[in-house]
Amino acid sequence: TFPLFFRMTRSDADKDSVLAIRSAKGEVVAARISRISANEIGLITQKGHEVQLRFADITEVSLRPKGA
C-alpha cells in the first residue's frame, strides 16, 4: 500500500484513502509521503503542510478512508 502514497497523483480507485499515523506527537493524517530516509519520514498532510516524523516515534500506521 505504501508505494501508492509516493505518487504525485493517484488513481481514482485509491485517491480516497489516507495514512493515519500515530506517534508520540499525536496523530498525523497524510495524503502523501514526500520523502523518506533511514531515520525519518516526510508526510504531506491533507491541508498541504509537510510534517517530519522519526520512525522511533511512530506507534501505529493505518489506512483509512479520507472522510473518516
Protein backbone atom coordinates (compact mmCIF):
# COMPACT_ATOMS: atom_id res chain seq x y z
CA THR A 1 0.00 0.00 0.00
CA PHE A 2 2.84 2.44 0.74
CA PRO A 3 4.02 2.86 -2.89
CA LEU A 4 0.64 4.46 -3.71
CA PHE A 5 1.44 7.31 -1.33
CA PHE A 6 4.74 8.21 -3.04
CA ARG A 7 2.99 9.21 -6.27
CA MET A 8 2.18 12.85 -7.03
CA THR A 9 -1.22 11.82 -8.44
CA ARG A 10 -3.13 8.70 -7.57
CA SER A 11 -5.77 6.76 -9.48
CA ASP A 12 -9.48 7.25 -8.79
CA ALA A 13 -9.63 3.86 -7.09
CA ASP A 14 -7.16 4.76 -4.32
CA LYS A 15 -7.24 8.57 -4.07
CA ASP A 16 -9.93 8.47 -1.36
CA SER A 17 -7.66 6.84 1.21
CA VAL A 18 -5.19 8.41 3.64
CA LEU A 19 -2.49 7.21 6.01
CA ALA A 20 -3.28 7.80 9.68
CA ILE A 21 -0.04 7.73 11.65
CA ARG A 22 0.04 7.87 15.44
CA SER A 23 3.21 9.00 17.11
CA ALA A 24 4.47 10.47 20.35
CA LYS A 25 3.47 13.90 18.95
CA GLY A 26 -0.12 12.87 18.18
CA GLU A 27 -1.89 11.75 15.02
CA VAL A 28 -0.96 12.87 11.51
CA VAL A 29 -3.34 12.21 8.62
CA ALA A 30 -1.25 12.13 5.46
CA ALA A 31 -2.32 12.34 1.85
CA ARG A 32 1.18 11.65 0.52
CA ILE A 33 4.70 10.61 1.53
CA SER A 34 7.09 13.35 0.38
CA ARG A 35 10.43 11.86 1.45
CA ILE A 36 11.89 9.02 3.43
CA SER A 37 15.30 8.37 4.98
CA ALA A 38 16.80 5.82 7.32
CA ASN A 39 15.59 7.71 10.41
CA GLU A 40 12.50 9.69 9.42
CA ILE A 41 9.63 10.11 7.02
CA GLY A 42 8.22 13.30 5.47
CA LEU A 43 4.46 13.47 5.07
CA ILE A 44 2.16 15.88 3.28
CA THR A 45 -0.99 16.35 5.35
CA GLN A 46 -4.46 16.77 3.91
CA LYS A 47 -4.10 20.54 4.49
CA GLY A 48 -0.89 20.62 2.44
CA HIS A 49 1.63 21.03 5.26
CA GLU A 50 4.79 18.93 5.43
CA VAL A 51 5.47 17.06 8.67
CA GLN A 52 8.62 15.12 9.58
CA LEU A 53 8.30 12.10 11.89
CA ARG A 54 11.07 9.96 13.28
CA PHE A 55 10.44 6.24 12.87
CA ALA A 56 11.26 5.71 16.56
CA ASP A 57 8.28 7.94 17.49
CA ILE A 58 5.70 6.12 15.32
CA THR A 59 3.42 3.78 17.25
CA GLU A 60 0.74 2.90 14.66
CA VAL A 61 0.10 3.26 10.93
CA SER A 62 -3.32 2.61 9.44
CA LEU A 63 -5.03 3.09 6.09
CA ARG A 64 -8.48 4.65 6.21
CA PRO A 65 -10.99 6.46 4.01
CA LYS A 66 -10.36 10.18 3.53
CA GLY A 67 -13.51 11.33 5.33
CA ALA A 68 -13.15 9.13 8.42
